[in-house]
N, C-alpha and C. Protein backbone atom coordinates (compact mmCIF):
# COMPACT_ATOMS: atom_id res chain seq x y z
N UNK A 1 0.00 2.68 -29.92
CA UNK A 1 0.13 2.37 -31.32
C UNK A 1 -0.87 1.29 -31.70
N UNK A 2 -1.65 1.52 -32.74
CA UNK A 2 -2.59 0.53 -33.25
C UNK A 2 -1.79 -0.42 -34.13
N UNK A 3 -1.99 -1.71 -33.89
CA UNK A 3 -1.13 -2.69 -34.54
C UNK A 3 -1.50 -3.04 -35.97
N UNK A 4 -2.77 -2.88 -36.38
CA UNK A 4 -3.14 -3.23 -37.74
C UNK A 4 -4.26 -2.33 -38.24
N UNK A 5 -4.24 -2.02 -39.53
CA UNK A 5 -5.31 -1.21 -40.13
C UNK A 5 -6.63 -1.97 -40.10
N UNK A 6 -6.59 -3.23 -40.50
CA UNK A 6 -7.79 -4.05 -40.56
C UNK A 6 -7.83 -5.00 -39.37
N UNK A 7 -9.04 -5.30 -38.91
CA UNK A 7 -9.13 -6.19 -37.74
C UNK A 7 -8.85 -7.64 -38.10
N UNK A 8 -8.46 -8.39 -37.07
CA UNK A 8 -8.37 -9.84 -37.18
C UNK A 8 -9.78 -10.35 -36.89
N UNK A 9 -10.33 -11.21 -37.75
CA UNK A 9 -11.67 -11.75 -37.53
C UNK A 9 -11.55 -13.04 -36.73
N UNK A 10 -12.37 -13.13 -35.69
CA UNK A 10 -12.34 -14.32 -34.85
C UNK A 10 -13.71 -14.64 -34.30
N UNK A 11 -13.91 -15.93 -33.99
CA UNK A 11 -15.16 -16.39 -33.39
C UNK A 11 -15.05 -16.26 -31.88
N UNK A 12 -16.08 -15.70 -31.25
CA UNK A 12 -16.11 -15.53 -29.80
C UNK A 12 -17.30 -16.28 -29.24
N UNK A 13 -17.04 -17.09 -28.24
CA UNK A 13 -18.10 -17.79 -27.52
C UNK A 13 -18.68 -16.86 -26.45
N UNK A 14 -19.93 -17.08 -26.05
CA UNK A 14 -20.52 -16.18 -25.05
C UNK A 14 -19.83 -16.28 -23.69
N UNK A 15 -19.79 -15.15 -22.98
CA UNK A 15 -19.28 -15.13 -21.62
C UNK A 15 -19.96 -14.00 -20.86
N UNK A 16 -19.89 -14.06 -19.54
CA UNK A 16 -20.56 -13.10 -18.67
C UNK A 16 -19.61 -12.02 -18.18
N UNK A 17 -20.12 -10.79 -18.08
CA UNK A 17 -19.37 -9.68 -17.54
C UNK A 17 -20.22 -9.03 -16.45
N UNK A 18 -19.58 -8.70 -15.35
CA UNK A 18 -20.26 -8.08 -14.22
C UNK A 18 -19.53 -6.81 -13.85
N UNK A 19 -20.27 -5.74 -13.57
CA UNK A 19 -19.63 -4.49 -13.22
C UNK A 19 -20.63 -3.38 -12.96
N UNK A 20 -20.22 -2.16 -13.30
CA UNK A 20 -21.06 -0.99 -13.14
C UNK A 20 -21.45 -0.49 -14.53
N UNK A 21 -22.66 0.07 -14.63
CA UNK A 21 -23.21 0.37 -15.95
C UNK A 21 -23.84 1.75 -15.99
N UNK A 22 -23.81 2.35 -17.19
CA UNK A 22 -24.47 3.63 -17.42
C UNK A 22 -24.97 3.66 -18.87
N UNK A 23 -25.98 4.46 -19.10
CA UNK A 23 -26.50 4.69 -20.45
C UNK A 23 -25.87 5.99 -20.95
N UNK A 24 -25.37 5.98 -22.20
CA UNK A 24 -24.70 7.16 -22.73
C UNK A 24 -24.81 7.17 -24.25
N UNK A 25 -24.12 8.11 -24.87
CA UNK A 25 -24.03 8.18 -26.34
C UNK A 25 -22.66 8.78 -26.68
N UNK A 26 -22.24 8.58 -27.90
CA UNK A 26 -20.96 9.15 -28.33
C UNK A 26 -21.00 10.68 -28.31
N UNK A 27 -22.15 11.25 -28.64
CA UNK A 27 -22.26 12.71 -28.62
C UNK A 27 -22.06 13.25 -27.21
N UNK A 28 -22.67 12.61 -26.20
CA UNK A 28 -22.48 13.05 -24.82
C UNK A 28 -21.04 12.86 -24.37
N UNK A 29 -20.43 11.72 -24.74
CA UNK A 29 -19.05 11.45 -24.34
C UNK A 29 -18.10 12.47 -24.95
N UNK A 30 -18.27 12.80 -26.21
CA UNK A 30 -17.38 13.75 -26.88
C UNK A 30 -17.69 15.19 -26.48
N UNK A 31 -18.90 15.43 -25.98
CA UNK A 31 -19.30 16.77 -25.58
C UNK A 31 -18.98 17.10 -24.13
N UNK A 32 -18.34 16.18 -23.43
CA UNK A 32 -17.95 16.43 -22.05
C UNK A 32 -19.03 16.16 -21.02
N UNK A 33 -20.15 15.53 -21.42
CA UNK A 33 -21.24 15.23 -20.49
C UNK A 33 -21.47 13.73 -20.38
N UNK A 34 -20.45 12.95 -20.64
CA UNK A 34 -20.58 11.51 -20.67
C UNK A 34 -20.46 10.85 -19.31
N UNK A 35 -20.70 9.55 -19.31
CA UNK A 35 -20.66 8.75 -18.10
C UNK A 35 -19.44 7.85 -18.01
N UNK A 36 -18.76 7.62 -19.11
CA UNK A 36 -17.67 6.65 -19.14
C UNK A 36 -16.52 7.05 -18.22
N UNK A 37 -16.12 8.29 -18.25
CA UNK A 37 -15.03 8.75 -17.39
C UNK A 37 -15.34 8.56 -15.91
N UNK A 38 -16.58 8.82 -15.53
CA UNK A 38 -16.99 8.64 -14.13
C UNK A 38 -16.95 7.16 -13.72
N UNK A 39 -17.34 6.28 -14.64
CA UNK A 39 -17.28 4.85 -14.33
C UNK A 39 -15.83 4.41 -14.14
N UNK A 40 -14.94 4.88 -15.02
CA UNK A 40 -13.52 4.55 -14.88
C UNK A 40 -12.95 5.10 -13.57
N UNK A 41 -13.37 6.31 -13.20
CA UNK A 41 -12.92 6.89 -11.94
C UNK A 41 -13.34 6.03 -10.76
N UNK A 42 -14.58 5.59 -10.78
CA UNK A 42 -15.07 4.72 -9.71
C UNK A 42 -14.33 3.40 -9.68
N UNK A 43 -14.08 2.83 -10.85
CA UNK A 43 -13.36 1.56 -10.93
C UNK A 43 -11.98 1.69 -10.32
N UNK A 44 -11.27 2.77 -10.64
CA UNK A 44 -9.89 2.94 -10.17
C UNK A 44 -9.83 3.41 -8.72
N UNK A 45 -10.62 4.41 -8.36
CA UNK A 45 -10.53 5.00 -7.03
C UNK A 45 -11.11 4.14 -5.92
N UNK A 46 -12.10 3.34 -6.23
CA UNK A 46 -12.76 2.51 -5.22
C UNK A 46 -12.28 1.06 -5.23
N UNK A 47 -11.21 0.75 -6.00
CA UNK A 47 -10.73 -0.62 -6.13
C UNK A 47 -11.90 -1.55 -6.44
N UNK A 48 -12.71 -1.13 -7.38
CA UNK A 48 -13.98 -1.80 -7.67
C UNK A 48 -13.81 -3.25 -8.10
N UNK A 49 -12.78 -3.56 -8.87
CA UNK A 49 -12.60 -4.94 -9.34
C UNK A 49 -12.53 -5.93 -8.18
N UNK A 50 -11.94 -5.51 -7.07
CA UNK A 50 -11.82 -6.41 -5.91
C UNK A 50 -13.17 -6.78 -5.33
N UNK A 51 -14.21 -6.02 -5.63
CA UNK A 51 -15.54 -6.28 -5.09
C UNK A 51 -16.43 -7.09 -6.03
N UNK A 52 -15.91 -7.44 -7.20
CA UNK A 52 -16.70 -8.22 -8.16
C UNK A 52 -16.56 -9.70 -7.82
N UNK A 53 -17.67 -10.35 -7.43
CA UNK A 53 -17.58 -11.78 -7.10
C UNK A 53 -17.46 -12.64 -8.36
N UNK A 54 -16.86 -13.79 -8.22
CA UNK A 54 -16.76 -14.80 -9.28
C UNK A 54 -15.90 -14.38 -10.47
N UNK A 55 -14.94 -13.44 -10.28
CA UNK A 55 -14.06 -13.03 -11.37
C UNK A 55 -13.21 -14.19 -11.84
N UNK A 56 -12.92 -14.24 -13.14
CA UNK A 56 -12.09 -15.32 -13.68
C UNK A 56 -10.64 -14.88 -13.89
N UNK A 57 -10.39 -13.54 -13.94
CA UNK A 57 -9.03 -13.05 -14.11
C UNK A 57 -8.96 -11.58 -13.68
N UNK A 58 -7.85 -10.92 -13.93
CA UNK A 58 -7.66 -9.54 -13.52
C UNK A 58 -7.85 -8.52 -14.64
N UNK A 59 -8.32 -8.96 -15.79
CA UNK A 59 -8.55 -8.03 -16.89
C UNK A 59 -9.76 -7.15 -16.63
N UNK A 60 -9.67 -5.91 -17.05
CA UNK A 60 -10.82 -5.01 -17.05
C UNK A 60 -11.50 -5.17 -18.40
N UNK A 61 -12.84 -5.28 -18.38
CA UNK A 61 -13.60 -5.41 -19.62
C UNK A 61 -14.64 -4.30 -19.66
N UNK A 62 -14.71 -3.63 -20.80
CA UNK A 62 -15.74 -2.63 -21.05
C UNK A 62 -16.64 -3.16 -22.16
N UNK A 63 -17.96 -3.13 -21.93
CA UNK A 63 -18.91 -3.69 -22.90
C UNK A 63 -19.86 -2.59 -23.38
N UNK A 64 -20.07 -2.56 -24.67
CA UNK A 64 -21.05 -1.67 -25.29
C UNK A 64 -22.19 -2.56 -25.76
N UNK A 65 -23.41 -2.28 -25.30
CA UNK A 65 -24.53 -3.13 -25.65
C UNK A 65 -25.84 -2.33 -25.61
N UNK A 66 -26.93 -2.99 -25.91
CA UNK A 66 -28.26 -2.35 -25.93
C UNK A 66 -28.25 -1.08 -26.78
N UNK A 67 -27.69 -1.22 -27.98
CA UNK A 67 -27.63 -0.07 -28.89
C UNK A 67 -29.02 0.37 -29.31
N UNK A 68 -29.25 1.67 -29.27
CA UNK A 68 -30.50 2.25 -29.74
C UNK A 68 -30.59 2.12 -31.25
N UNK A 69 -29.45 2.32 -31.94
CA UNK A 69 -29.43 2.25 -33.40
C UNK A 69 -28.03 1.90 -33.87
N UNK A 70 -27.21 2.92 -34.05
CA UNK A 70 -25.85 2.74 -34.55
C UNK A 70 -24.91 3.59 -33.69
N UNK A 71 -23.76 3.99 -34.24
CA UNK A 71 -22.79 4.75 -33.46
C UNK A 71 -23.32 6.11 -32.99
N UNK A 72 -24.40 6.58 -33.59
CA UNK A 72 -24.96 7.88 -33.24
C UNK A 72 -26.06 7.81 -32.18
N UNK A 73 -26.52 6.61 -31.86
CA UNK A 73 -27.59 6.46 -30.87
C UNK A 73 -27.04 6.15 -29.48
N UNK A 74 -27.95 6.03 -28.53
CA UNK A 74 -27.56 5.68 -27.17
C UNK A 74 -27.18 4.21 -27.07
N UNK A 75 -26.40 3.89 -26.05
CA UNK A 75 -26.00 2.51 -25.78
C UNK A 75 -25.72 2.39 -24.29
N UNK A 76 -25.66 1.16 -23.82
CA UNK A 76 -25.27 0.89 -22.44
C UNK A 76 -23.78 0.57 -22.42
N UNK A 77 -23.09 1.10 -21.41
CA UNK A 77 -21.65 0.87 -21.24
C UNK A 77 -21.48 0.23 -19.87
N UNK A 78 -20.96 -1.00 -19.86
CA UNK A 78 -20.73 -1.73 -18.62
C UNK A 78 -19.23 -1.90 -18.44
N UNK A 79 -18.73 -1.54 -17.28
CA UNK A 79 -17.31 -1.62 -16.99
C UNK A 79 -17.10 -2.57 -15.82
N UNK A 80 -16.32 -3.64 -16.04
CA UNK A 80 -16.12 -4.61 -14.97
C UNK A 80 -15.14 -5.69 -15.35
N UNK A 81 -15.57 -6.94 -15.13
CA UNK A 81 -14.69 -8.09 -15.35
C UNK A 81 -15.51 -9.30 -15.78
N UNK A 82 -14.82 -10.23 -16.43
CA UNK A 82 -15.46 -11.50 -16.78
C UNK A 82 -15.66 -12.31 -15.52
N UNK A 83 -16.85 -12.95 -15.41
CA UNK A 83 -17.18 -13.77 -14.25
C UNK A 83 -17.70 -15.11 -14.72
N UNK A 84 -17.68 -16.10 -13.81
CA UNK A 84 -18.21 -17.41 -14.17
C UNK A 84 -19.59 -17.66 -13.58
N UNK A 85 -20.15 -16.66 -12.88
CA UNK A 85 -21.48 -16.78 -12.29
C UNK A 85 -22.03 -15.39 -12.01
N UNK A 86 -23.35 -15.26 -12.10
CA UNK A 86 -23.99 -14.01 -11.71
C UNK A 86 -24.96 -14.26 -10.55
N UNK A 87 -24.64 -15.26 -9.75
CA UNK A 87 -25.42 -15.53 -8.54
C UNK A 87 -24.90 -14.66 -7.40
N UNK A 88 -25.82 -14.22 -6.55
CA UNK A 88 -25.50 -13.42 -5.36
C UNK A 88 -24.66 -12.19 -5.73
N UNK A 89 -25.15 -11.44 -6.70
CA UNK A 89 -24.47 -10.25 -7.18
C UNK A 89 -24.88 -9.06 -6.32
N UNK A 90 -23.93 -8.22 -5.93
CA UNK A 90 -24.28 -7.01 -5.19
C UNK A 90 -25.29 -6.16 -5.98
N UNK A 91 -26.20 -5.51 -5.25
CA UNK A 91 -27.30 -4.77 -5.86
C UNK A 91 -26.85 -3.66 -6.81
N UNK A 92 -25.72 -3.01 -6.52
CA UNK A 92 -25.28 -1.89 -7.35
C UNK A 92 -24.59 -2.32 -8.64
N UNK A 93 -24.47 -3.63 -8.87
CA UNK A 93 -23.80 -4.12 -10.07
C UNK A 93 -24.80 -4.59 -11.12
N UNK A 94 -24.34 -4.56 -12.37
CA UNK A 94 -25.14 -5.02 -13.50
C UNK A 94 -24.34 -6.10 -14.23
N UNK A 95 -25.05 -6.91 -14.99
CA UNK A 95 -24.37 -7.96 -15.76
C UNK A 95 -24.87 -7.96 -17.19
N UNK A 96 -24.06 -8.56 -18.06
CA UNK A 96 -24.48 -8.78 -19.44
C UNK A 96 -23.73 -9.98 -19.97
N UNK A 97 -24.25 -10.52 -21.06
CA UNK A 97 -23.58 -11.64 -21.71
C UNK A 97 -23.08 -11.19 -23.07
N UNK A 98 -21.81 -11.48 -23.34
CA UNK A 98 -21.26 -11.22 -24.66
C UNK A 98 -21.92 -12.20 -25.62
N UNK A 99 -22.41 -11.69 -26.74
CA UNK A 99 -23.12 -12.50 -27.72
C UNK A 99 -22.14 -13.34 -28.53
N UNK A 100 -22.48 -14.61 -28.74
CA UNK A 100 -21.68 -15.49 -29.57
C UNK A 100 -21.66 -14.96 -31.00
N UNK A 101 -20.53 -15.10 -31.68
CA UNK A 101 -20.49 -14.70 -33.08
C UNK A 101 -19.10 -14.33 -33.55
N UNK A 102 -19.06 -13.75 -34.73
CA UNK A 102 -17.82 -13.30 -35.33
C UNK A 102 -17.55 -11.86 -34.92
N UNK A 103 -16.31 -11.61 -34.54
CA UNK A 103 -15.89 -10.28 -34.10
C UNK A 103 -14.63 -9.87 -34.85
N UNK A 104 -14.52 -8.59 -35.12
CA UNK A 104 -13.28 -8.03 -35.62
C UNK A 104 -12.50 -7.53 -34.43
N UNK A 105 -11.23 -7.92 -34.31
CA UNK A 105 -10.42 -7.53 -33.15
C UNK A 105 -9.34 -6.56 -33.59
N UNK A 106 -9.28 -5.42 -32.90
CA UNK A 106 -8.26 -4.41 -33.09
C UNK A 106 -7.41 -4.39 -31.83
N UNK A 107 -6.11 -4.19 -31.96
CA UNK A 107 -5.20 -4.18 -30.81
C UNK A 107 -4.38 -2.90 -30.81
N UNK A 108 -4.20 -2.34 -29.61
CA UNK A 108 -3.34 -1.17 -29.45
C UNK A 108 -2.49 -1.37 -28.20
N UNK A 109 -1.28 -0.84 -28.24
CA UNK A 109 -0.37 -0.93 -27.10
C UNK A 109 0.61 0.24 -27.15
N UNK A 110 1.28 0.48 -26.02
CA UNK A 110 2.38 1.44 -26.01
C UNK A 110 2.01 2.89 -25.87
N UNK A 111 0.84 3.17 -25.33
CA UNK A 111 0.46 4.57 -25.13
C UNK A 111 -0.53 4.68 -24.00
N UNK A 112 -0.92 5.89 -23.65
CA UNK A 112 -1.94 6.06 -22.62
C UNK A 112 -3.24 5.39 -23.08
N UNK A 113 -3.88 4.58 -22.24
CA UNK A 113 -5.08 3.83 -22.64
C UNK A 113 -6.17 4.70 -23.27
N UNK A 114 -6.45 5.87 -22.71
CA UNK A 114 -7.52 6.71 -23.26
C UNK A 114 -7.21 7.13 -24.70
N UNK A 115 -5.96 7.48 -24.96
CA UNK A 115 -5.57 7.87 -26.32
C UNK A 115 -5.64 6.69 -27.28
N UNK A 116 -5.23 5.52 -26.81
CA UNK A 116 -5.28 4.33 -27.68
C UNK A 116 -6.73 4.01 -28.05
N UNK A 117 -7.63 4.08 -27.08
CA UNK A 117 -9.03 3.76 -27.34
C UNK A 117 -9.65 4.74 -28.32
N UNK A 118 -9.39 6.02 -28.15
CA UNK A 118 -9.91 7.01 -29.09
C UNK A 118 -9.40 6.71 -30.49
N UNK A 119 -8.12 6.37 -30.62
CA UNK A 119 -7.55 6.04 -31.93
C UNK A 119 -8.20 4.83 -32.56
N UNK A 120 -8.42 3.79 -31.77
CA UNK A 120 -9.06 2.58 -32.31
C UNK A 120 -10.48 2.88 -32.76
N UNK A 121 -11.25 3.61 -31.93
CA UNK A 121 -12.64 3.89 -32.30
C UNK A 121 -12.71 4.78 -33.55
N UNK A 122 -11.80 5.72 -33.71
CA UNK A 122 -11.77 6.52 -34.93
C UNK A 122 -11.51 5.64 -36.15
N UNK A 123 -10.62 4.67 -35.98
CA UNK A 123 -10.33 3.73 -37.07
C UNK A 123 -11.56 2.89 -37.39
N UNK A 124 -12.26 2.40 -36.35
CA UNK A 124 -13.47 1.59 -36.55
C UNK A 124 -14.52 2.39 -37.31
N UNK A 125 -14.76 3.63 -36.88
CA UNK A 125 -15.78 4.46 -37.54
C UNK A 125 -15.39 4.77 -38.98
N UNK A 126 -14.10 4.94 -39.24
CA UNK A 126 -13.64 5.19 -40.60
C UNK A 126 -13.87 3.96 -41.48
N UNK A 127 -13.53 2.79 -40.98
CA UNK A 127 -13.75 1.56 -41.74
C UNK A 127 -15.24 1.33 -41.97
N UNK A 128 -16.05 1.63 -40.97
CA UNK A 128 -17.50 1.48 -41.10
C UNK A 128 -18.05 2.45 -42.16
N UNK A 129 -17.61 3.70 -42.14
CA UNK A 129 -18.06 4.69 -43.11
C UNK A 129 -17.66 4.29 -44.53
N UNK A 130 -16.49 3.65 -44.67
CA UNK A 130 -16.03 3.19 -45.97
C UNK A 130 -16.58 1.83 -46.36
N UNK A 131 -17.52 1.33 -45.57
CA UNK A 131 -18.17 0.03 -45.81
C UNK A 131 -17.18 -1.14 -45.82
N UNK A 132 -16.07 -0.98 -45.09
CA UNK A 132 -15.09 -2.06 -44.96
C UNK A 132 -15.31 -2.85 -43.67
N UNK A 133 -16.28 -2.41 -42.86
CA UNK A 133 -16.59 -3.07 -41.59
C UNK A 133 -18.10 -3.01 -41.42
N UNK A 134 -18.74 -4.19 -41.31
CA UNK A 134 -20.18 -4.26 -41.15
C UNK A 134 -20.51 -4.70 -39.72
N UNK A 135 -20.83 -3.70 -38.90
CA UNK A 135 -21.07 -3.95 -37.48
C UNK A 135 -22.47 -4.49 -37.22
N UNK A 136 -22.57 -5.37 -36.24
CA UNK A 136 -23.86 -5.95 -35.86
C UNK A 136 -24.61 -5.08 -34.86
N UNK A 137 -23.91 -4.28 -34.07
CA UNK A 137 -24.50 -3.44 -33.02
C UNK A 137 -25.32 -4.27 -32.03
N UNK A 138 -24.73 -5.40 -31.59
CA UNK A 138 -25.32 -6.20 -30.50
C UNK A 138 -24.44 -6.06 -29.27
N UNK A 139 -23.22 -6.57 -29.33
CA UNK A 139 -22.25 -6.35 -28.26
C UNK A 139 -20.88 -6.11 -28.89
N UNK A 140 -20.20 -5.13 -28.35
CA UNK A 140 -18.80 -4.84 -28.65
C UNK A 140 -18.12 -4.78 -27.29
N UNK A 141 -16.83 -5.10 -27.24
CA UNK A 141 -16.17 -5.05 -25.93
C UNK A 141 -14.69 -4.79 -26.08
N UNK A 142 -14.12 -4.28 -24.98
CA UNK A 142 -12.69 -3.99 -24.88
C UNK A 142 -12.11 -4.78 -23.73
N UNK A 143 -10.94 -5.37 -23.93
CA UNK A 143 -10.24 -6.07 -22.85
C UNK A 143 -8.92 -5.34 -22.61
N UNK A 144 -8.72 -4.93 -21.35
CA UNK A 144 -7.53 -4.20 -20.95
C UNK A 144 -6.60 -5.13 -20.18
N UNK A 145 -5.38 -5.27 -20.67
CA UNK A 145 -4.35 -6.05 -19.98
C UNK A 145 -3.30 -5.07 -19.49
N UNK A 146 -3.21 -4.91 -18.19
CA UNK A 146 -2.31 -3.91 -17.60
C UNK A 146 -0.87 -4.36 -17.59
N UNK A 147 0.01 -3.41 -17.84
CA UNK A 147 1.44 -3.62 -17.69
C UNK A 147 1.89 -2.98 -16.39
N UNK A 148 3.15 -2.70 -16.30
CA UNK A 148 3.67 -2.09 -15.07
C UNK A 148 3.43 -0.59 -15.03
N UNK A 149 3.21 0.03 -16.19
CA UNK A 149 2.88 1.45 -16.27
C UNK A 149 1.70 1.61 -17.22
N UNK A 150 0.97 2.75 -17.16
CA UNK A 150 -0.15 2.93 -18.09
C UNK A 150 0.25 2.78 -19.56
N UNK A 151 1.48 3.19 -19.90
CA UNK A 151 1.89 3.07 -21.30
C UNK A 151 2.19 1.63 -21.72
N UNK A 152 2.24 0.71 -20.76
CA UNK A 152 2.42 -0.72 -21.07
C UNK A 152 1.10 -1.45 -21.28
N UNK A 153 -0.02 -0.75 -21.13
CA UNK A 153 -1.32 -1.38 -21.25
C UNK A 153 -1.56 -1.86 -22.68
N UNK A 154 -2.12 -3.04 -22.79
CA UNK A 154 -2.53 -3.63 -24.07
C UNK A 154 -4.05 -3.61 -24.10
N UNK A 155 -4.62 -3.13 -25.19
CA UNK A 155 -6.08 -3.08 -25.32
C UNK A 155 -6.48 -3.83 -26.58
N UNK A 156 -7.39 -4.79 -26.41
CA UNK A 156 -8.00 -5.48 -27.55
C UNK A 156 -9.45 -5.04 -27.62
N UNK A 157 -9.88 -4.55 -28.78
CA UNK A 157 -11.25 -4.10 -28.98
C UNK A 157 -11.91 -5.08 -29.95
N UNK A 158 -13.02 -5.65 -29.51
CA UNK A 158 -13.77 -6.64 -30.30
C UNK A 158 -15.06 -6.00 -30.79
N UNK A 159 -15.26 -5.99 -32.09
CA UNK A 159 -16.44 -5.39 -32.72
C UNK A 159 -17.28 -6.51 -33.30
N UNK A 160 -18.53 -6.63 -32.82
CA UNK A 160 -19.45 -7.64 -33.35
C UNK A 160 -19.75 -7.37 -34.81
N UNK A 161 -19.61 -8.40 -35.64
CA UNK A 161 -19.81 -8.28 -37.08
C UNK A 161 -21.12 -8.92 -37.51
N UNK A 162 -21.70 -8.36 -38.58
CA UNK A 162 -22.89 -8.98 -39.15
C UNK A 162 -22.51 -10.33 -39.75
N UNK A 163 -23.40 -11.31 -39.64
CA UNK A 163 -23.10 -12.62 -40.26
C UNK A 163 -22.97 -12.49 -41.78
N UNK A 164 -22.04 -13.22 -42.32
CA UNK A 164 -21.88 -13.21 -43.78
C UNK A 164 -22.71 -14.34 -44.37
N UNK A 165 -23.20 -14.12 -45.59
CA UNK A 165 -24.04 -15.14 -46.25
C UNK A 165 -23.25 -16.35 -46.65
């Protein structure tokens, strides 16, 4: 269940995320040729979080960055965890920094994570199409807080906003 129609606006300070990364697009993801599902499979099946050095907590973070243009262009998707250092990082891992700024935060809980995420992104695209959300297309990210079952998962999605005058 998505908790609010409109996002809560909040200031986010920069932080580092380390994990596994792929280049993709929404068209590839929706067309069944995407990379995101494979990254999630690797994260879950290989206990990947346990191999991320310098983790600050147990949350899974997904980052959308290096946008080619807008929601229709390619972007980089990094799946991992927040870290306090990117020194001595394993070769197969990538890192990125969340950009400082204002973000719109959407929250969903009480359902299968994949369904909740699809619902939130549909809401974001609808608000953007209606000019009620002005995205910066620098960094967007999702924070997953696990419960005891998949339906207990809480997901916060942070959308980077354009600066207001």
